[in-house]
C-alpha atoms as a PDB file:
ATOM      1  CA  MET A   1      -7.465  86.322  44.675  1.00  0.00           C
ATOM      2  CA  VAL A   2      -8.194  83.678  42.044  1.00  0.00           C
ATOM      3  CA  ILE A   3     -10.468  80.715  42.836  1.00  0.00           C
ATOM      4  CA  HIS A   4     -10.194  77.353  41.225  1.00  0.00           C
ATOM      5  CA  TYR A   5     -12.728  74.538  42.057  1.00  0.00           C
ATOM      6  CA  LYS A   6     -10.944  71.150  42.304  1.00  0.00           C
ATOM      7  CA  CYS A   7     -12.541  67.695  41.974  1.00  0.00           C
ATOM      8  CA  PRO A   8     -12.180  65.565  45.252  1.00  0.00           C
ATOM      9  CA  ASN A   9     -11.887  62.578  43.173  1.00  0.00           C
ATOM     10  CA  CYS A  10      -9.162  63.265  40.669  1.00  0.00           C
ATOM     11  CA  GLY A  11      -7.944  66.806  41.410  1.00  0.00           C
ATOM     12  CA  ASP A  12      -9.068  68.199  37.867  1.00  0.00           C
ATOM     13  CA  ASP A  13     -10.890  71.435  37.616  1.00  0.00           C
ATOM     14  CA  MET A  14     -14.663  71.484  38.060  1.00  0.00           C
ATOM     15  CA  SER A  15     -17.181  73.891  36.141  1.00  0.00           C
ATOM     16  CA  PHE A  16     -21.003  74.516  36.299  1.00  0.00           C
ATOM     17  CA  ASP A  17     -23.156  72.048  34.478  1.00  0.00           C
ATOM     18  CA  SER A  18     -26.178  73.825  33.006  1.00  0.00           C
ATOM     19  CA  GLU A  19     -28.110  70.657  32.518  1.00  0.00           C
ATOM     20  CA  SER A  20     -27.701  69.087  36.014  1.00  0.00           C
ATOM     21  CA  GLY A  21     -27.161  72.341  37.805  1.00  0.00           C
ATOM     22  CA  LYS A  22     -24.298  71.063  39.526  1.00  0.00           C
ATOM     23  CA  LEU A  23     -20.557  71.620  39.818  1.00  0.00           C
ATOM     24  CA  THR A  24     -19.239  69.036  37.420  1.00  0.00           C
ATOM     25  CA  CYS A  25     -15.699  67.388  36.706  1.00  0.00           C
ATOM     26  CA  LEU A  26     -15.393  66.598  32.956  1.00  0.00           C
ATOM     27  CA  SER A  27     -12.428  64.003  33.589  1.00  0.00           C
ATOM     28  CA  CYS A  28     -14.079  61.823  35.946  1.00  0.00           C
ATOM     29  CA  GLY A  29     -17.644  62.758  35.961  1.00  0.00           C
ATOM     30  CA  ARG A  30     -18.255  63.685  39.491  1.00  0.00           C
ATOM     31  CA  GLN A  31     -21.024  65.987  40.318  1.00  0.00           C
ATOM     32  CA  ASP A  32     -21.626  67.998  43.548  1.00  0.00           C
ATOM     33  CA  ALA A  33     -24.402  70.182  44.659  1.00  0.00           C
ATOM     34  CA  ILE A  34     -23.135  73.823  44.628  1.00  0.00           C
ATOM     35  CA  GLU A  35     -24.666  74.435  48.114  1.00  0.00           C
ATOM     36  CA  ASN A  36     -22.876  71.258  49.515  1.00  0.00           C
ATOM     37  CA  PHE A  37     -19.346  71.696  47.862  1.00  0.00           C
ATOM     38  CA  SER A  38     -16.904  71.664  50.569  1.00  0.00           C
ATOM     39  CA  ASP A  39     -14.492  74.790  51.020  1.00  0.00           C
ATOM     40  CA  GLU A  40     -11.725  72.184  51.421  1.00  0.00           C
ATOM     41  CA  PHE A  41     -11.484  71.579  47.548  1.00  0.00           C
ATOM     42  CA  ILE A  42     -11.549  75.332  46.697  1.00  0.00           C
ATOM     43  CA  THR A  43      -7.933  76.608  46.155  1.00  0.00           C
ATOM     44  CA  THR A  44      -6.946  80.299  45.930  1.00  0.00           C
ATOM     45  CA  THR A  45      -4.039  82.196  44.890  1.00  0.00           C
ATOM     46  CA  PHE A  46      -3.481  86.047  45.997  1.00  0.00           C
ATOM     47  CA  GLU A  47      -2.155  89.107  44.508  1.00  0.00           C
ATOM     48  CA  GLU A  48      -0.651  91.691  46.731  1.00  0.00           C
ATOM     49  CA  ASN A  49      -1.779  94.741  44.577  1.00  0.00           C
ATOM     50  CA  GLU A  50      -4.719  95.868  42.473  1.00  0.00           C
ATOM     51  CA  THR A  51      -3.414  94.732  39.213  1.00  0.00           C
ATOM     52  CA  LYS A  52      -5.120  93.159  36.152  1.00  0.00           C
ATOM     53  CA  GLU A  53      -2.762  90.211  36.249  1.00  0.00           C
ATOM     54  CA  TYR A  54      -3.498  86.846  38.026  1.00  0.00           C
ATOM     55  CA  GLN A  55      -1.681  83.591  37.957  1.00  0.00           C
ATOM     56  CA  CYS A  56      -3.400  80.305  37.142  1.00  0.00           C
ATOM     57  CA  GLU A  57      -2.785  77.859  39.982  1.00  0.00           C
ATOM     58  CA  ASN A  58      -3.072  74.969  37.408  1.00  0.00           C
ATOM     59  CA  CYS A  59      -0.218  75.901  34.846  1.00  0.00           C
ATOM     60  CA  GLY A  60       1.343  78.927  36.377  1.00  0.00           C
ATOM     61  CA  ALA A  61       0.253  81.157  33.318  1.00  0.00           C
ATOM     62  CA  VAL A  62      -0.547  84.903  33.702  1.00  0.00           C
ATOM     63  CA  LEU A  63      -4.141  85.703  33.347  1.00  0.00           C
ATOM     64  CA  LEU A  64      -4.705  89.028  31.841  1.00  0.00           C
ATOM     65  CA  THR A  65      -7.998  90.588  32.655  1.00  0.00           C
ATOM     66  CA  ASP A  66      -9.807  94.045  32.139  1.00  0.00           C
ATOM     67  CA  ALA A  67     -10.872  95.722  35.421  1.00  0.00           C
ATOM     68  CA  ASP A  68     -14.584  94.468  34.989  1.00  0.00           C
ATOM     69  CA  THR A  69     -13.874  90.762  34.537  1.00  0.00           C
ATOM     70  CA  ILE A  70     -15.076  88.570  37.576  1.00  0.00           C
ATOM     71  CA  ALA A  71     -14.904  85.058  35.978  1.00  0.00           C
ATOM     72  CA  THR A  72     -12.837  83.877  33.112  1.00  0.00           C
ATOM     73  CA  THR A  73     -10.849  80.818  31.656  1.00  0.00           C
ATOM     74  CA  CYS A  74      -7.132  80.198  31.574  1.00  0.00           C
ATOM     75  CA  SER A  75      -6.072  80.530  27.855  1.00  0.00           C
ATOM     76  CA  PHE A  76      -3.465  77.857  28.302  1.00  0.00           C
ATOM     77  CA  CYS A  77      -5.017  74.966  30.237  1.00  0.00           C
ATOM     78  CA  GLY A  78      -8.718  75.990  30.008  1.00  0.00           C
ATOM     79  CA  ALA A  79      -9.342  76.131  33.750  1.00  0.00           C
ATOM     80  CA  GLY A  80     -12.268  78.244  34.872  1.00  0.00           C
ATOM     81  CA  VAL A  81     -11.583  80.817  37.363  1.00  0.00           C
ATOM     82  CA  VAL A  82     -13.336  83.417  39.491  1.00  0.00           C
ATOM     83  CA  ILE A  83     -11.501  86.621  40.845  1.00  0.00           C
ATOM     84  CA  ALA A  84     -12.808  86.680  44.338  1.00  0.00           C
ATOM     85  CA  GLU A  85     -12.200  90.302  45.298  1.00  0.00           C
ATOM     86  CA  ARG A  86     -14.587  91.343  42.318  1.00  0.00           C
ATOM     87  CA  VAL A  87     -17.499  89.485  43.771  1.00  0.00           C
ATOM     88  CA  SER A  88     -17.140  90.471  47.353  1.00  0.00           C
ATOM     89  CA  GLY A  89     -18.345  93.455  49.407  1.00  0.00           C
ATOM     90  CA  THR A  90     -20.206  95.987  47.510  1.00  0.00           C
ATOM     91  CA  LEU A  91     -19.241  94.084  44.264  1.00  0.00           C
ATOM     92  CA  ALA A  92     -21.142  90.820  45.477  1.00  0.00           C
ATOM     93  CA  PRO A  93     -24.127  89.965  43.527  1.00  0.00           C
ATOM     94  CA  SER A  94     -27.127  88.942  45.657  1.00  0.00           C
ATOM     95  CA  LEU A  95     -28.846  86.709  43.060  1.00  0.00           C
ATOM     96  CA  VAL A  96     -28.056  84.743  39.848  1.00  0.00           C
ATOM     97  CA  ILE A  97     -29.874  82.788  37.249  1.00  0.00           C
ATOM     98  CA  PRO A  98     -27.756  79.754  36.263  1.00  0.00           C
ATOM     99  CA  PHE A  99     -27.322  78.713  32.642  1.00  0.00           C
ATOM    100  CA  SER A 100     -29.970  76.299  31.513  1.00  0.00           C
ATOM    101  CA  ILE A 101     -28.788  75.967  27.966  1.00  0.00           C
ATOM    102  CA  ASN A 102     -25.344  74.442  27.406  1.00  0.00           C
ATOM    103  CA  LYS A 103     -23.062  75.196  24.431  1.00  0.00           C
ATOM    104  CA  ASP A 104     -24.126  72.422  22.298  1.00  0.00           C
ATOM    105  CA  GLU A 105     -27.658  73.339  22.815  1.00  0.00           C
ATOM    106  CA  ALA A 106     -27.015  76.981  22.195  1.00  0.00           C
ATOM    107  CA  VAL A 107     -25.348  76.061  18.801  1.00  0.00           C
ATOM    108  CA  VAL A 108     -28.667  73.967  17.748  1.00  0.00           C
ATOM    109  CA  ALA A 109     -30.830  76.732  19.072  1.00  0.00           C
ATOM    110  CA  PHE A 110     -29.098  79.453  17.207  1.00  0.00           C
ATOM    111  CA  LYS A 111     -29.084  77.336  13.879  1.00  0.00           C
ATOM    112  CA  LYS A 112     -32.832  76.714  14.192  1.00  0.00           C
ATOM    113  CA  TRP A 113     -33.454  80.575  14.669  1.00  0.00           C
ATOM    114  CA  CYS A 114     -31.283  81.373  11.582  1.00  0.00           C
ATOM    115  CA  LYS A 115     -33.446  78.963   9.478  1.00  0.00           C
ATOM    116  CA  ASN A 116     -36.630  81.120  10.512  1.00  0.00           C
ATOM    117  CA  GLY A 117     -35.346  84.220   8.883  1.00  0.00           C
ATOM    118  CA  LEU A 118     -37.992  85.125   6.234  1.00  0.00           C
ATOM    119  CA  VAL A 119     -36.040  87.797   4.524  1.00  0.00           C
ATOM    120  CA  THR A 120     -32.348  86.494   5.291  1.00  0.00           C
ATOM    121  CA  PRO A 121     -30.244  85.158   2.396  1.00  0.00           C
ATOM    122  CA  ASN A 122     -30.604  81.243   1.895  1.00  0.00           C
ATOM    123  CA  ASP A 123     -26.808  80.722   2.277  1.00  0.00           C
ATOM    124  CA  PHE A 124     -26.962  82.499   5.714  1.00  0.00           C
ATOM    125  CA  MET A 125     -29.723  80.358   6.980  1.00  0.00           C
ATOM    126  CA  THR A 126     -28.176  77.086   5.821  1.00  0.00           C
ATOM    127  CA  ALA A 127     -24.486  77.408   6.486  1.00  0.00           C
ATOM    128  CA  ASP A 128     -22.546  76.951   9.697  1.00  0.00           C
ATOM    129  CA  ARG A 129     -20.482  80.056  10.189  1.00  0.00           C
ATOM    130  CA  ILE A 130     -20.522  80.416  13.915  1.00  0.00           C
ATOM    131  CA  LYS A 131     -17.047  82.027  14.684  1.00  0.00           C
ATOM    132  CA  LYS A 132     -17.390  82.317  18.372  1.00  0.00           C
ATOM    133  CA  LEU A 133     -19.877  81.330  21.082  1.00  0.00           C
ATOM    134  CA  THR A 134     -19.053  82.697  24.529  1.00  0.00           C
ATOM    135  CA  GLY A 135     -21.233  82.135  27.580  1.00  0.00           C
ATOM    136  CA  MET A 136     -21.124  84.873  30.160  1.00  0.00           C
ATOM    137  CA  TYR A 137     -22.946  86.338  33.035  1.00  0.00           C
ATOM    138  CA  VAL A 138     -24.044  89.896  32.381  1.00  0.00           C
ATOM    139  CA  PRO A 139     -24.438  92.134  35.509  1.00  0.00           C
ATOM    140  CA  PHE A 140     -27.924  93.642  35.948  1.00  0.00           C
ATOM    141  CA  TRP A 141     -29.702  95.710  38.510  1.00  0.00           C
ATOM    142  CA  MET A 142     -33.372  94.713  39.313  1.00  0.00           C
ATOM    143  CA  TYR A 143     -35.489  96.926  41.173  1.00  0.00           C
ATOM    144  CA  ASP A 144     -38.833  96.766  42.953  1.00  0.00           C
ATOM    145  CA  LEU A 145     -40.609 100.012  42.343  1.00  0.00           C
ATOM    146  CA  ASN A 146     -43.719 101.810  43.542  1.00  0.00           C
ATOM    147  CA  SER A 147     -45.508 104.310  41.242  1.00  0.00           C
ATOM    148  CA  ARG A 148     -48.139 106.619  42.499  1.00  0.00           C
ATOM    149  CA  VAL A 149     -50.336 108.041  39.494  1.00  0.00           C
ATOM    150  CA  ARG A 150     -52.697 110.837  39.425  1.00  0.00           C
ATOM    151  CA  VAL A 151     -54.361 111.676  36.025  1.00  0.00           C
ATOM    152  CA  SER A 152     -57.381 113.907  35.315  1.00  0.00           C
ATOM    153  CA  GLY A 153     -58.975 114.622  32.008  1.00  0.00           C
ATOM    154  CA  THR A 154     -61.991 114.673  29.782  1.00  0.00           C
ATOM    155  CA  GLY A 155     -63.900 111.358  28.636  1.00  0.00           C
ATOM    156  CA  THR A 156     -66.761 111.070  26.295  1.00  0.00           C
ATOM    157  CA  LYS A 157     -69.449 108.506  25.632  1.00  0.00           C
ATOM    158  CA  VAL A 158     -71.283 108.527  22.394  1.00  0.00           C
ATOM    159  CA  ARG A 159     -74.693 107.208  22.005  1.00  0.00           C
ATOM    160  CA  GLU A 160     -76.396 106.814  18.620  1.00  0.00           C
ATOM    161  CA  TYR A 161     -80.365 106.387  18.313  1.00  0.00           C
ATOM    162  CA  THR A 162     -83.002 106.731  15.745  1.00  0.00           C
ATOM    163  CA  ARG A 163     -86.107 109.004  16.079  1.00  0.00           C
ATOM    164  CA  GLY A 164     -88.489 109.042  13.098  1.00  0.00           C
ATOM    165  CA  ASP A 165     -86.547 109.588   9.862  1.00  0.00           C
ATOM    166  CA  TYR A 166     -83.412 111.121  11.556  1.00  0.00           C
ATOM    167  CA  ILE A 167     -80.247 109.393  13.155  1.00  0.00           C
ATOM    168  CA  TYR A 168     -79.056 111.367  16.162  1.00  0.00           C
ATOM    169  CA  THR A 169     -75.699 111.175  17.761  1.00  0.00           C
ATOM    170  CA  GLU A 170     -75.318 112.135  21.285  1.00  0.00           C
ATOM    171  CA  THR A 171     -72.055 112.812  22.967  1.00  0.00           C
ATOM    172  CA  SER A 172     -71.639 113.082  26.883  1.00  0.00           C
ATOM    173  CA  TYR A 173     -68.762 114.632  28.478  1.00  0.00           C
ATOM    174  CA  TYR A 174     -67.281 113.436  31.938  1.00  0.00           C
ATOM    175  CA  ARG A 175     -64.749 114.707  34.076  1.00  0.00           C
ATOM    176  CA  VAL A 176     -62.373 111.646  34.732  1.00  0.00           C
ATOM    177  CA  PHE A 177     -59.996 111.316  37.671  1.00  0.00           C
ATOM    178  CA  ARG A 178     -57.739 108.283  38.476  1.00  0.00           C
ATOM    179  CA  ASP A 179     -55.627 107.860  41.564  1.00  0.00           C
ATOM    180  CA  ILE A 180     -53.507 104.811  41.115  1.00  0.00           C
ATOM    181  CA  ASN A 181     -51.063 102.835  43.040  1.00  0.00           C
ATOM    182  CA  LEU A 182     -48.838 100.513  41.128  1.00  0.00           C
ATOM    183  CA  ASP A 183     -46.096  98.073  42.307  1.00  0.00           C
ATOM    184  CA  TYR A 184     -43.590  96.586  39.786  1.00  0.00           C
ATOM    185  CA  MET A 185     -41.418  93.634  40.939  1.00  0.00           C
ATOM    186  CA  LYS A 186     -37.709  92.943  39.826  1.00  0.00           C
ATOM    187  CA  VAL A 187     -37.654  95.057  36.702  1.00  0.00           C
ATOM    188  CA  PRO A 188     -34.182  94.202  35.068  1.00  0.00           C
ATOM    189  CA  VAL A 189     -31.802  96.995  33.670  1.00  0.00           C
ATOM    190  CA  ASP A 190     -28.390  95.860  32.412  1.00  0.00           C
ATOM    191  CA  ALA A 191     -25.372  97.514  34.275  1.00  0.00           C
ATOM    192  CA  SER A 192     -22.506  96.936  31.964  1.00  0.00           C
ATOM    193  CA  GLU A 193     -21.101  99.664  29.571  1.00  0.00           C
ATOM    194  CA  LYS A 194     -20.183  97.146  27.016  1.00  0.00           C
ATOM    195  CA  MET A 195     -23.496  95.746  26.307  1.00  0.00           C
ATOM    196  CA  GLU A 196     -25.978  97.448  24.176  1.00  0.00           C
ATOM    197  CA  ASP A 197     -29.145  98.246  26.130  1.00  0.00           C
ATOM    198  CA  GLY A 198     -31.558  97.706  23.451  1.00  0.00           C
ATOM    199  CA  LEU A 199     -30.091  94.125  22.728  1.00  0.00           C
ATOM    200  CA  MET A 200     -30.349  93.192  26.559  1.00  0.00           C
ATOM    201  CA  ASP A 201     -33.953  94.597  26.850  1.00  0.00           C
ATOM    202  CA  LYS A 202     -34.987  92.327  23.899  1.00  0.00           C
ATOM    203  CA  LEU A 203     -33.699  89.261  25.694  1.00  0.00           C
ATOM    204  CA  GLU A 204     -36.459  89.422  28.369  1.00  0.00           C
ATOM    205  CA  PRO A 205     -38.356  87.855  29.849  1.00  0.00           C
ATOM    206  CA  TYR A 206     -36.291  85.589  32.160  1.00  0.00           C
ATOM    207  CA  LYS A 207     -38.035  83.050  34.521  1.00  0.00           C
ATOM    208  CA  TYR A 208     -37.461  85.098  37.635  1.00  0.00           C
ATOM    209  CA  ASP A 209     -38.822  82.429  39.688  1.00  0.00           C
ATOM    210  CA  GLN A 210     -35.544  80.393  39.098  1.00  0.00           C
ATOM    211  CA  LEU A 211     -33.427  83.080  40.657  1.00  0.00           C
ATOM    212  CA  LYS A 212     -30.898  81.742  43.156  1.00  0.00           C
ATOM    213  CA  THR A 213     -28.985  83.038  45.901  1.00  0.00           C
ATOM    214  CA  PHE A 214     -25.375  83.927  44.459  1.00  0.00           C
ATOM    215  CA  LYS A 215     -22.561  81.642  45.034  1.00  0.00           C
ATOM    216  CA  THR A 216     -19.216  81.654  42.964  1.00  0.00           C
ATOM    217  CA  PRO A 217     -19.416  78.141  41.623  1.00  0.00           C
ATOM    218  CA  TYR A 218     -22.229  79.068  39.363  1.00  0.00           C
ATOM    219  CA  LEU A 219     -19.530  81.219  37.415  1.00  0.00           C
ATOM    220  CA  ALA A 220     -17.059  78.308  36.968  1.00  0.00           C
ATOM    221  CA  GLY A 221     -16.344  77.783  33.187  1.00  0.00           C
ATOM    222  CA  TYR A 222     -18.052  80.922  32.127  1.00  0.00           C
ATOM    223  CA  LEU A 223     -17.055  84.510  31.647  1.00  0.00           C
ATOM    224  CA  ALA A 224     -18.535  87.280  33.994  1.00  0.00           C
ATOM    225  CA  GLU A 225     -18.381  90.871  34.541  1.00  0.00           C
ATOM    226  CA  LYS A 226     -19.073  93.193  37.294  1.00  0.00           C
ATOM    227  CA  TYR A 227     -21.231  96.217  37.027  1.00  0.00           C
ATOM    228  CA  ASN A 228     -20.124  99.509  35.655  1.00  0.00           C
ATOM    229  CA  TYR A 229     -23.163 101.435  37.037  1.00  0.00           C
ATOM    230  CA  ASP A 230     -24.601 101.282  40.541  1.00  0.00           C
ATOM    231  CA  ASP A 231     -28.344 101.135  41.226  1.00  0.00           C
ATOM    232  CA  GLN A 232     -28.736 104.824  41.720  1.00  0.00           C
ATOM    233  CA  ALA A 233     -27.195 105.746  38.474  1.00  0.00           C
ATOM    234  CA  LEU A 234     -29.496 103.305  36.560  1.00  0.00           C
ATOM    235  CA  LEU A 235     -32.641 104.552  38.293  1.00  0.00           C
ATOM    236  CA  PRO A 236     -33.848 107.098  35.769  1.00  0.00           C
ATOM    237  CA  ARG A 237     -33.506 104.545  33.262  1.00  0.00           C
ATOM    238  CA  VAL A 238     -35.608 102.031  34.873  1.00  0.00           C
ATOM    239  CA  LYS A 239     -38.396 104.713  35.407  1.00  0.00           C
ATOM    240  CA  THR A 240     -38.278 105.325  31.739  1.00  0.00           C
ATOM    241  CA  LYS A 241     -38.613 101.609  31.214  1.00  0.00           C
ATOM    242  CA  ILE A 242     -41.770 101.057  33.179  1.00  0.00           C
ATOM    243  CA  GLN A 243     -43.282 104.311  31.675  1.00  0.00           C
ATOM    244  CA  SER A 244     -45.170 102.456  28.756  1.00  0.00           C
ATOM    245  CA  PHE A 245     -46.470  99.973  31.145  1.00  0.00           C
ATOM    246  CA  ILE A 246     -47.968 102.769  33.344  1.00  0.00           C
ATOM    247  CA  ASP A 247     -49.573 104.351  30.266  1.00  0.00           C
ATOM    248  CA  SER A 248     -51.133 101.064  29.393  1.00  0.00           C
ATOM    249  CA  TYR A 249     -52.725 100.469  32.759  1.00  0.00           C
ATOM    250  CA  ILE A 250     -53.877 104.093  32.796  1.00  0.00           C
ATOM    251  CA  HIS A 251     -55.515 103.398  29.461  1.00  0.00           C
ATOM    252  CA  SER A 252     -56.983 100.181  30.722  1.00  0.00           C
ATOM    253  CA  THR A 253     -58.909 102.147  33.435  1.00  0.00           C
ATOM    254  CA  VAL A 254     -60.685 104.314  30.917  1.00  0.00           C
ATOM    255  CA  SER A 255     -61.607 101.722  28.526  1.00  0.00           C
ATOM    256  CA  GLY A 256     -65.457 102.431  29.175  1.00  0.00           C
ATOM    257  CA  TYR A 257     -65.123 105.944  27.285  1.00  0.00           C
ATOM    258  CA  ALA A 258     -65.078 106.516  23.630  1.00  0.00           C
ATOM    259  CA  THR A 259     -62.369 108.838  23.916  1.00  0.00           C
ATOM    260  CA  PHE A 260     -60.150 110.036  26.815  1.00  0.00           C
ATOM    261  CA  ILE A 261     -58.030 113.204  26.674  1.00  0.00           C
ATOM    262  CA  PRO A 262     -55.551 113.692  29.655  1.00  0.00           C
ATOM    263  CA  GLU A 263     -54.977 117.139  30.755  1.00  0.00           C
ATOM    264  CA  GLN A 264     -52.933 116.391  33.937  1.00  0.00           C
ATOM    265  CA  LYS A 265     -50.834 113.589  34.747  1.00  0.00           C
ATOM    266  CA  GLU A 266     -48.471 113.200  37.824  1.00  0.00           C
ATOM    267  CA  ILE A 267     -46.263 109.929  38.156  1.00  0.00           C
ATOM    268  CA  GLU A 268     -43.983 109.598  41.111  1.00  0.00           C
ATOM    269  CA  SER A 269     -42.074 106.417  41.158  1.00  0.00           C
ATOM    270  CA  LYS A 270     -39.771 105.301  43.870  1.00  0.00           C
ATOM    271  CA  LYS A 271     -37.376 102.275  44.444  1.00  0.00           C
ATOM    272  CA  THR A 272     -38.287 100.294  47.256  1.00  0.00           C
ATOM    273  CA  LYS A 273     -35.556  97.708  46.759  1.00  0.00           C
ATOM    274  CA  SER A 274     -32.726  96.915  44.325  1.00  0.00           C
ATOM    275  CA  TYR A 275     -30.988  93.676  43.639  1.00  0.00           C
ATOM    276  CA  TYR A 276     -27.588  93.119  41.946  1.00  0.00           C
ATOM    277  CA  VAL A 277     -28.222  89.987  39.632  1.00  0.00           C
ATOM    278  CA  LEU A 278     -26.026  88.126  37.025  1.00  0.00           C
ATOM    279  CA  LEU A 279     -27.953  86.767  34.118  1.00  0.00           C
ATOM    280  CA  PRO A 280     -26.780  84.144  31.730  1.00  0.00           C
ATOM    281  CA  ILE A 281     -26.162  85.087  28.029  1.00  0.00           C
ATOM    282  CA  TRP A 282     -24.610  83.446  25.097  1.00  0.00           C
ATOM    283  CA  MET A 283     -22.913  85.715  22.840  1.00  0.00           C
ATOM    284  CA  VAL A 284     -22.745  84.555  19.276  1.00  0.00           C
ATOM    285  CA  THR A 285     -20.363  85.878  16.447  1.00  0.00           C
ATOM    286  CA  TYR A 286     -21.412  84.685  13.167  1.00  0.00           C
ATOM    287  CA  HIS A 287     -19.182  85.150  10.001  1.00  0.00           C
ATOM    288  CA  TYR A 288     -20.943  85.929   6.688  1.00  0.00           C
ATOM    289  CA  ARG A 289     -19.473  87.350   3.431  1.00  0.00           C
ATOM    290  CA  GLY A 290     -16.437  88.958   5.194  1.00  0.00           C
ATOM    291  CA  LYS A 291     -18.607  90.562   7.987  1.00  0.00           C
ATOM    292  CA  ASP A 292     -19.064  89.522  11.584  1.00  0.00           C
ATOM    293  CA  TYR A 293     -22.698  89.590  12.975  1.00  0.00           C
ATOM    294  CA  ILE A 294     -23.206  89.796  16.822  1.00  0.00           C
ATOM    295  CA  PHE A 295     -26.401  88.051  18.238  1.00  0.00           C
ATOM    296  CA  ALA A 296     -27.167  87.487  21.901  1.00  0.00           C
ATOM    297  CA  MET A 297     -29.065  84.371  23.350  1.00  0.00           C
ATOM    298  CA  ASN A 298     -30.866  84.272  26.554  1.00  0.00           C
ATOM    299  CA  GLY A 299     -28.815  81.484  28.277  1.00  0.00           C
ATOM    300  CA  GLN A 300     -31.938  80.331  30.222  1.00  0.00           C
ATOM    301  CA  THR A 301     -34.740  80.449  27.467  1.00  0.00           C
ATOM    302  CA  GLY A 302     -32.983  80.244  24.299  1.00  0.00           C
ATOM    303  CA  LYS A 303     -34.430  83.371  22.892  1.00  0.00           C
ATOM    304  CA  VAL A 304     -32.160  85.072  20.232  1.00  0.00           C
ATOM    305  CA  VAL A 305     -31.954  88.614  19.222  1.00  0.00           C
ATOM    306  CA  GLY A 306     -29.764  90.563  16.884  1.00  0.00           C
ATOM    307  CA  LYS A 307     -29.960  91.812  13.178  1.00  0.00           C
ATOM    308  CA  PRO A 308     -29.085  89.329  10.397  1.00  0.00           C
ATOM    309  CA  PRO A 309     -28.297  90.507   6.794  1.00  0.00           C
ATOM    310  CA  ILE A 310     -31.211  91.155   4.542  1.00  0.00           C
ATOM    311  CA  SER A 311     -31.772  89.478   1.175  1.00  0.00           C
ATOM    312  CA  ARG A 312     -32.762  92.353  -1.385  1.00  0.00           C
ATOM    313  CA  ALA A 313     -34.231  89.570  -3.618  1.00  0.00           C
ATOM    314  CA  LYS A 314     -36.403  88.244  -0.853  1.00  0.00           C
ATOM    315  CA  VAL A 315     -37.726  91.679   0.125  1.00  0.00           C
ATOM    316  CA  ALA A 316     -38.513  92.477  -3.537  1.00  0.00           C
ATOM    317  CA  GLY A 317     -40.286  89.189  -3.840  1.00  0.00           C
ATOM    318  CA  TRP A 318     -42.361  89.881  -0.669  1.00  0.00           C
ATOM    319  CA  PHE A 319     -43.355  93.415  -1.899  1.00  0.00           C
ATOM    320  CA  GLY A 320     -44.234  91.815  -5.294  1.00  0.00           C
ATOM    321  CA  GLY A 321     -46.421  89.238  -3.737  1.00  0.00           C
ATOM    322  CA  ILE A 322     -48.174  91.446  -1.633  1.00  0.00           C
ATOM    323  CA  ALA A 323     -48.822  94.032  -4.496  1.00  0.00           C
ATOM    324  CA  ALA A 324     -50.187  91.127  -6.591  1.00  0.00           C
ATOM    325  CA  VAL A 325     -52.525  89.946  -3.872  1.00  0.00           C
ATOM    326  CA  THR A 326     -53.701  93.505  -3.317  1.00  0.00           C
ATOM    327  CA  LEU A 327     -54.435  93.994  -6.947  1.00  0.00           C
ATOM    328  CA  LEU A 328     -56.252  90.736  -7.175  1.00  0.00           C
ATOM    329  CA  ILE A 329     -58.605  91.605  -4.250  1.00  0.00           C
ATOM    330  CA  PHE A 330     -59.155  94.967  -5.929  1.00  0.00           C
ATOM    331  CA  ARG A 331     -60.415  93.432  -9.112  1.00  0.00           C
ATOM    332  CA  LEU A 332     -62.374  90.874  -7.363  1.00  0.00           C
ATOM    333  CA  VAL A 333     -64.272  93.544  -5.261  1.00  0.00           C
ATOM    334  CA  THR A 334     -64.758  95.586  -8.444  1.00  0.00           C
ATOM    335  CA  PHE A 335     -66.207  92.500 -10.275  1.00  0.00           C
ATOM    336  CA  PHE A 336     -68.644  91.810  -7.453  1.00  0.00           C
ATOM    337  CA  MET A 337     -69.905  95.285  -7.257  1.00  0.00           C
ATOM    338  CA  GLY A 338     -70.804  95.208 -10.906  1.00  0.00           C
ATOM    339  CA  GLY A 339     -67.752  96.800 -12.663  1.00  0.00           C
ATOM    340  CA  GLY A 340     -66.527  93.658 -14.364  1.00  0.00           C
ATOM    341  CA  LEU A 341     -62.793  92.654 -14.307  1.00  0.00           C
ATOM    342  CA  ILE A 342     -60.230  95.220 -15.255  1.00  0.00           C
END
């Protein structure tokens, strides 16, 4: 089933507007709150079998999608559509963070980010070579986790004192035990096999207080995909993801010791709840000197991640400058110590 959102005023297609947070008609300007949009103006078409072809109700064109697509736009008339059976039942997201940054704002934010590159080529930073800018909702699982941590080891405290003409160093050894209970809320892990995990992780954090109950109109006008991995499949990865936070917390509890050597550590992390969530991302394809570079932008905060090209001349300049400053400092230190300038 393909869903179109029709304007009650003029009958044209409506899409989600990131600035107002409402379903908006670009033809007549009408805006409707998503929560109040009447089902009377939602039109649907049905397919009898599980194919990857759907028909656009606007122009009759055939929409070809892969098996993971849940929202797309018609290549012929531009209408935004949602494939309903891919966002229902076990495939229905529970939460969504809507786009806060529209396409024009994304272009401005990306250009600004390019100009901040200290070692990227000058023509990369100044030229406008955005080849493609795609707004899409990427599937994530969010987890509430509880970790029970038991750690034991040896801690030392060092005391230095003077007695007569001698300086003494006294080292005391302590048996240290920690029994810690930690709760982590809404830890995200991307559930799309098409997205690079490291790239998605770097887009964090999102403003999770702006999570909303999922409704299909949020997808109108954007691309979206369903998850490839369920919450059980990604549970090992989210446990690995919180490991550094657990280690950091353990370290904070033994900060009173000069050294701490853990000898035994037991960590038992359990899922208390999981949420299927769609998060907003702008994917940017930037063409430079015959090569395409892919960047991702957080559709809520504007944070950009990716690997731009590196200017060898700038890198050489940076290292040369650092070497020159280091040499100058060395000569000044030598001079003030009585060695004279070399």
